Amino acid sequence: MRKLFTLIELLVVIAIIAILASMLLPTLNKARDTAKKISCANTLKSLSLSGQLYADQSNGFFVPYGTGPGTVMWRNNRMFRTLLGDAPVTTDSYQVASTCRRSQVCPNSCAAIGSGDPEIDLSYGISAEDFYDTAWHTLGGTARIAAYQLSRIKQPSLRMTFADGLDFIRQYNYSTLISYRNAAEKERSPIAAYRHNDAANAAMFDGHVETLSYSEILGDKNRWYNFYDSPVY
């Protein structure tokens, strides 16, 4: 005679499955978050490498944040975006749109949400604290090209270049965890974006990428300022 499950046995099996699922879910979520963080870090590494290749063709100057004679900021800079491998087709010899492929934005950013081509600077921003400092290259009188000369940067492994952000630049005074949570990936802001469990990925000028907590990012101003001077501890 065929033996059937009783209601109690069925409920026990369902309970065991539920317990196992609850135990596995955090692990699966952690694995998914780790994969997104790694994808973001790889994109930042590509941005950093493209900036260095840009410098090889631009008298040693990293791709600029701001504009000046004959320059275009990084998000619209045709040479830089071509080196990155995603320059949209336009008729302009120098500038391109800020849109990019979906694979070239942080998976946790607002740029990765929705349809259509995302904007690359809704995922990443470049360091821009020393714009009015002597660290920035000056070309003729007061005309400034907001770009760092790589050969002059002291301890490049410490100094941030591209990092998780919500606009094309990031600035120290605005980059608190509260500011990011208030922005909630819904608006542009010149802040670091702590998308990875209250941490952000950041590329350094030597090309390596780190995942830094908000306290690490804000706790060391050497990551933001005075790149031509020796770090102060």
Protein backbone atom coordinates (compact mmCIF):
# COMPACT_ATOMS: atom_id res chain seq x y z
CA MET A 1 0.00 0.00 0.00
CA ARG A 2 1.35 3.44 -0.98
CA LYS A 3 2.13 5.65 2.02
CA LEU A 4 1.10 9.31 1.73
CA PHE A 5 2.49 12.31 3.60
CA THR A 6 0.41 13.42 6.51
CA LEU A 7 -0.41 17.08 6.92
CA ILE A 8 1.98 17.34 9.85
CA GLU A 9 4.84 15.81 7.85
CA LEU A 10 4.15 18.20 4.97
CA LEU A 11 4.20 21.17 7.31
CA VAL A 12 7.49 19.97 8.79
CA VAL A 13 9.05 19.73 5.32
CA ILE A 14 7.81 23.23 4.43
CA ALA A 15 9.21 24.57 7.70
CA ILE A 16 12.61 22.99 7.02
CA ILE A 17 12.69 24.48 3.51
CA ALA A 18 11.79 27.90 4.91
CA ILE A 19 14.58 27.67 7.50
CA LEU A 20 17.13 26.65 4.88
CA ALA A 21 16.01 29.47 2.58
CA SER A 22 16.32 32.03 5.38
CA MET A 23 19.85 30.77 6.07
CA LEU A 24 20.92 30.91 2.41
CA LEU A 25 19.35 34.25 1.49
CA PRO A 26 21.90 36.46 3.32
CA THR A 27 24.72 34.51 1.67
CA LEU A 28 23.16 34.93 -1.77
CA ASN A 29 22.59 38.64 -1.17
CA LYS A 30 26.19 39.05 -0.02
CA ALA A 31 27.47 37.26 -3.13
CA ARG A 32 25.33 39.49 -5.34
CA ASP A 33 26.56 42.66 -3.59
CA THR A 34 30.16 41.48 -3.91
CA ALA A 35 29.70 40.88 -7.64
CA LYS A 36 28.31 44.40 -8.10
CA LYS A 37 31.19 45.90 -6.12
CA ILE A 38 33.73 44.04 -8.25
CA SER A 39 32.00 45.18 -11.46
CA CYS A 40 32.12 48.78 -10.25
CA ALA A 41 35.80 48.47 -9.28
CA ASN A 42 36.66 47.10 -12.73
CA THR A 43 34.96 50.07 -14.40
CA LEU A 44 36.88 52.49 -12.16
CA LYS A 45 40.11 50.74 -13.08
CA SER A 46 39.26 51.28 -16.76
CA LEU A 47 38.54 54.96 -16.09
CA SER A 48 41.88 55.36 -14.32
CA LEU A 49 43.80 53.54 -17.06
CA SER A 50 42.11 55.64 -19.76
CA GLY A 51 43.09 58.77 -17.84
CA GLN A 52 46.70 57.62 -17.79
CA LEU A 53 46.62 56.85 -21.53
CA TYR A 54 45.15 60.32 -22.05
CA ALA A 55 48.10 61.77 -20.12
CA ASP A 56 50.51 59.94 -22.43
CA GLN A 57 49.08 62.00 -25.30
CA SER A 58 48.60 65.26 -23.36
CA ASN A 59 52.00 66.30 -21.99
CA GLY A 60 51.52 64.17 -18.89
CA PHE A 61 48.24 65.78 -17.80
CA PHE A 62 45.43 63.52 -16.60
CA VAL A 63 42.06 64.00 -18.26
CA PRO A 64 40.68 67.38 -17.05
CA TYR A 65 37.81 68.00 -14.71
CA GLY A 66 37.20 71.54 -15.98
CA THR A 67 37.49 73.33 -19.27
CA GLY A 68 40.15 75.64 -20.60
CA PRO A 69 41.69 76.50 -23.97
CA GLY A 70 41.43 73.39 -26.12
CA THR A 71 40.14 71.16 -23.29
CA VAL A 72 36.87 69.45 -22.49
CA MET A 73 35.93 67.97 -19.12
CA TRP A 74 36.29 64.21 -18.76
CA ARG A 75 32.67 63.14 -19.23
CA ASN A 76 32.45 64.90 -22.62
CA ASN A 77 36.08 64.58 -23.69
CA ARG A 78 36.18 62.71 -27.00
CA MET A 79 39.79 61.53 -26.67
CA PHE A 80 39.26 60.21 -23.16
CA ARG A 81 35.93 58.54 -23.93
CA THR A 82 37.41 56.97 -27.05
CA LEU A 83 40.25 55.54 -24.97
CA LEU A 84 37.61 54.25 -22.58
CA GLY A 85 35.97 52.57 -25.55
CA ASP A 86 32.51 54.06 -25.32
CA ALA A 87 32.53 57.43 -27.10
CA PRO A 88 29.08 58.04 -28.65
CA VAL A 89 29.13 59.07 -32.30
CA THR A 90 28.86 62.82 -32.79
CA THR A 91 29.94 65.33 -35.40
CA ASP A 92 31.97 67.34 -32.87
CA SER A 93 35.75 66.90 -33.06
CA TYR A 94 36.27 67.40 -29.31
CA GLN A 95 33.09 66.67 -27.37
CA VAL A 96 30.74 63.73 -26.97
CA ALA A 97 27.57 63.16 -24.95
CA SER A 98 27.83 61.98 -21.36
CA THR A 99 25.75 58.88 -22.15
CA CYS A 100 27.49 55.51 -22.08
CA ARG A 101 26.91 51.78 -22.23
CA ARG A 102 25.05 50.24 -19.30
CA SER A 103 28.06 48.03 -18.60
CA GLN A 104 30.12 51.15 -17.81
CA VAL A 105 28.20 52.38 -14.78
CA CYS A 106 28.10 51.14 -11.20
CA PRO A 107 25.35 48.47 -10.92
CA ASN A 108 24.17 50.13 -7.69
CA SER A 109 23.93 53.65 -9.15
CA CYS A 110 20.85 55.50 -10.34
CA ALA A 111 22.41 55.41 -13.81
CA ALA A 112 21.95 51.64 -13.86
CA ILE A 113 18.21 51.95 -13.22
CA GLY A 114 15.64 52.41 -15.96
CA SER A 115 15.79 52.14 -19.70
CA GLY A 116 17.84 54.01 -22.27
CA ASP A 117 21.50 54.96 -22.24
CA PRO A 118 22.75 55.99 -18.77
CA GLU A 119 24.96 59.01 -18.08
CA ILE A 120 28.43 58.04 -16.94
CA ASP A 121 28.79 60.91 -14.47
CA LEU A 122 25.75 59.74 -12.48
CA SER A 123 27.98 56.85 -11.42
CA TYR A 124 31.43 58.38 -11.06
CA GLY A 125 33.03 61.70 -10.23
CA ILE A 126 36.60 62.98 -10.34
CA SER A 127 38.57 64.71 -7.57
CA ALA A 128 38.20 68.48 -7.85
CA GLU A 129 39.25 70.03 -4.55
CA ASP A 130 42.40 71.80 -5.75
CA PHE A 131 40.85 73.77 -8.61
CA TYR A 132 41.91 77.12 -7.15
CA ASP A 133 45.19 75.78 -5.84
CA THR A 134 48.56 75.84 -7.57
CA ALA A 135 48.09 72.13 -8.13
CA TRP A 136 46.06 72.88 -11.21
CA HIS A 137 47.81 73.58 -14.47
CA THR A 138 47.61 77.19 -15.61
CA LEU A 139 47.94 78.02 -19.29
CA GLY A 140 48.55 81.67 -20.03
CA GLY A 141 47.40 84.30 -17.56
CA THR A 142 44.39 83.19 -15.54
CA ALA A 143 43.12 80.52 -17.95
CA ARG A 144 43.06 77.27 -16.03
CA ILE A 145 43.01 73.70 -17.28
CA ALA A 146 41.72 71.74 -14.33
CA ALA A 147 43.94 68.70 -14.68
CA TYR A 148 46.73 67.15 -12.66
CA GLN A 149 50.19 66.52 -14.06
CA LEU A 150 50.90 62.92 -13.10
CA SER A 151 54.66 63.33 -12.71
CA ARG A 152 54.16 65.94 -9.96
CA ILE A 153 51.74 63.98 -7.76
CA LYS A 154 53.29 62.88 -4.47
CA GLN A 155 52.38 59.36 -3.35
CA PRO A 156 49.85 58.65 -6.12
CA SER A 157 48.78 55.40 -4.41
CA LEU A 158 47.05 57.57 -1.78
CA ARG A 159 45.41 60.23 -3.97
CA MET A 160 41.89 59.63 -5.30
CA THR A 161 41.01 60.27 -8.91
CA PHE A 162 37.72 58.69 -10.09
CA ALA A 163 35.36 57.29 -7.44
CA ASP A 164 31.72 56.44 -6.84
CA GLY A 165 29.81 59.70 -7.08
CA LEU A 166 26.61 61.44 -8.16
CA ASP A 167 28.07 64.04 -10.52
CA PHE A 168 31.17 64.65 -12.62
CA ILE A 169 33.12 65.94 -9.57
CA ARG A 170 33.33 65.06 -5.88
CA GLN A 171 34.08 67.53 -3.10
CA TYR A 172 35.15 66.85 0.46
CA ASN A 173 32.81 69.12 2.42
CA TYR A 174 29.67 67.63 0.86
CA SER A 175 30.67 63.97 0.96
CA THR A 176 29.11 62.87 4.22
CA LEU A 177 27.15 59.66 4.59
CA ILE A 178 24.07 61.71 5.51
CA SER A 179 24.38 63.74 2.30
CA TYR A 180 24.50 60.58 0.26
CA ARG A 181 21.52 59.05 2.02
CA ASN A 182 19.54 62.25 1.51
CA ALA A 183 20.40 62.27 -2.18
CA ALA A 184 19.24 58.64 -2.33
CA GLU A 185 20.59 58.11 -5.87
CA LYS A 186 17.87 60.43 -7.16
CA GLU A 187 19.66 63.72 -7.76
CA ARG A 188 22.99 65.11 -8.90
CA SER A 189 25.35 66.17 -6.16
CA PRO A 190 29.16 66.67 -5.95
CA ILE A 191 29.51 63.98 -3.29
CA ALA A 192 31.02 60.55 -2.82
CA ALA A 193 28.40 57.83 -3.25
CA TYR A 194 28.55 55.16 -0.53
CA ARG A 195 26.77 52.50 -2.57
CA HIS A 196 28.55 49.43 -1.29
CA ASN A 197 27.33 48.88 2.28
CA ASP A 198 28.22 52.44 3.36
CA ALA A 199 31.49 52.30 1.41
CA ALA A 200 32.62 53.64 -1.95
CA ASN A 201 35.02 52.37 -4.58
CA ALA A 202 37.83 54.77 -5.46
CA ALA A 203 40.63 54.65 -8.03
CA MET A 204 43.98 56.13 -7.07
CA PHE A 205 46.40 57.91 -9.39
CA ASP A 206 48.70 54.88 -9.46
CA GLY A 207 45.84 52.90 -11.04
CA HIS A 208 44.73 50.63 -8.20
CA VAL A 209 41.18 50.64 -6.81
CA GLU A 210 40.12 50.44 -3.15
CA THR A 211 36.81 50.07 -1.36
CA LEU A 212 36.77 52.72 1.38
CA SER A 213 34.29 53.30 4.18
CA TYR A 214 32.90 56.80 4.59
CA SER A 215 35.12 57.29 7.66
CA GLU A 216 38.21 56.33 5.64
CA ILE A 217 37.27 58.68 2.80
CA LEU A 218 36.54 61.67 5.04
CA GLY A 219 39.12 60.85 7.70
CA ASP A 220 42.14 61.41 5.46
CA LYS A 221 42.27 64.72 3.61
CA ASN A 222 45.42 63.57 1.85
CA ARG A 223 43.08 61.66 -0.44
CA TRP A 224 41.48 64.95 -1.53
CA TYR A 225 43.96 67.84 -1.23
CA ASN A 226 47.47 69.07 -2.07
CA PHE A 227 48.45 66.30 -4.43
CA TYR A 228 51.72 68.04 -5.33
CA ASP A 229 52.82 68.19 -1.70
CA SER A 230 54.04 65.39 0.53
CA PRO A 231 51.15 63.81 2.49
CA VAL A 232 50.52 65.15 5.99
CA TYR A 233 49.72 62.63 8.75
